[in-house]
Protein backbone atom coordinates (compact mmCIF):
# COMPACT_ATOMS: atom_id res chain seq x y z
CA MET A 1 117.41 28.10 -68.34
CA SER A 2 116.34 28.65 -64.81
CA ALA A 3 118.33 27.19 -61.97
CA ARG A 4 116.83 24.16 -60.30
CA PRO A 5 116.24 24.52 -56.60
CA GLU A 6 118.52 22.35 -54.50
CA PRO A 7 116.76 19.49 -52.75
CA ALA A 8 116.10 19.97 -49.07
CA ALA A 9 118.68 18.43 -46.81
CA GLU A 10 117.62 15.12 -45.34
CA PRO A 11 117.29 15.15 -41.55
CA PHE A 12 119.84 13.13 -39.61
CA LEU A 13 117.11 11.41 -37.63
CA GLY A 14 113.46 10.93 -38.44
CA PHE A 15 110.62 9.75 -36.24
CA ARG A 16 107.45 7.93 -37.15
CA ARG A 17 104.81 6.10 -35.21
CA HIS A 18 103.01 2.82 -35.94
CA GLY A 19 100.53 2.48 -33.12
CA GLU A 20 102.49 1.54 -30.01
CA VAL A 21 105.76 1.22 -31.94
CA ALA A 22 108.01 4.21 -32.56
CA VAL A 23 110.56 4.00 -35.35
CA VAL A 24 113.64 6.22 -35.37
CA ASP A 25 114.98 6.41 -38.93
CA VAL A 26 118.70 7.14 -39.17
CA SER A 27 119.85 8.87 -42.33
CA PRO A 28 123.21 8.19 -43.99
CA ALA A 29 123.88 11.87 -43.28
CA ILE A 30 124.49 10.86 -39.64
CA GLU A 31 127.89 9.57 -40.78
CA ALA A 32 129.04 13.18 -41.21
CA LEU A 33 127.32 14.60 -38.13
CA PRO A 34 129.78 16.27 -35.78
CA SER A 35 129.96 14.60 -32.38
CA SER A 36 128.91 17.87 -30.75
CA ALA A 37 125.52 17.64 -32.51
CA ILE A 38 124.62 14.09 -31.42
CA GLU A 39 123.12 15.26 -28.11
CA THR A 40 120.93 17.84 -29.85
CA ALA A 41 119.71 15.27 -32.38
CA ALA A 42 118.92 12.82 -29.57
CA HIS A 43 116.83 15.40 -27.70
CA VAL A 44 114.90 16.24 -30.86
CA VAL A 45 113.97 12.57 -31.29
CA LEU A 46 113.29 11.89 -27.62
CA SER A 47 110.94 14.85 -27.15
CA PRO A 48 107.93 13.30 -28.95
CA LEU A 49 108.65 9.94 -27.28
CA LYS A 50 108.46 11.51 -23.82
CA ALA A 51 105.26 13.34 -24.69
CA ASN A 52 103.54 10.16 -25.88
CA PRO A 53 105.59 7.10 -24.83
CA PRO A 54 105.38 4.05 -27.10
CA SER A 55 105.57 0.45 -25.89
CA ASN A 56 108.46 -0.32 -28.25
CA VAL A 57 111.14 1.60 -30.11
CA ILE A 58 112.99 0.49 -33.23
CA VAL A 59 116.12 2.33 -34.36
CA ASP A 60 116.42 1.68 -38.09
CA LEU A 61 120.10 1.66 -39.11
CA SER A 62 119.49 -0.06 -42.45
CA ARG A 63 120.60 2.95 -44.52
CA VAL A 64 123.76 3.66 -42.53
CA GLN A 65 127.09 2.09 -43.48
CA TYR A 66 128.87 3.10 -40.30
CA PHE A 67 128.56 5.44 -37.34
CA THR A 68 131.01 6.81 -34.84
CA SER A 69 131.24 5.85 -31.20
CA GLU A 70 129.59 9.18 -30.33
CA PHE A 71 126.43 7.94 -32.00
CA ILE A 72 126.16 5.27 -29.32
CA TRP A 73 125.54 8.17 -26.92
CA PHE A 74 122.16 8.57 -28.60
CA HIS A 75 121.14 5.13 -27.33
CA ARG A 76 122.06 5.80 -23.69
CA PRO A 77 119.25 8.27 -22.97
CA LEU A 78 116.90 6.16 -25.06
CA ALA A 79 117.67 3.07 -22.96
CA ALA A 80 117.52 5.02 -19.70
CA TYR A 81 114.08 6.32 -20.64
CA TRP A 82 112.58 2.82 -20.56
CA LYS A 83 114.16 1.71 -17.25
């Protein structure tokens, strides 16, 4: 028997666009993300938003059971962007 390839790791944060609404999908994998990586993940998500700003942003936490206080850091630059 041949070995099955392992499935690709799910990204911590995903980004999709629906017209003027941007949706940031948060994976359950974020629960294990080291606090030192939150800033990097936030910049990855914010880059396309800065390039083509939407009117509204939805952060979908429906698949996450919990997140650490460091994850709240992700929302600070997001909120500051729309001031």
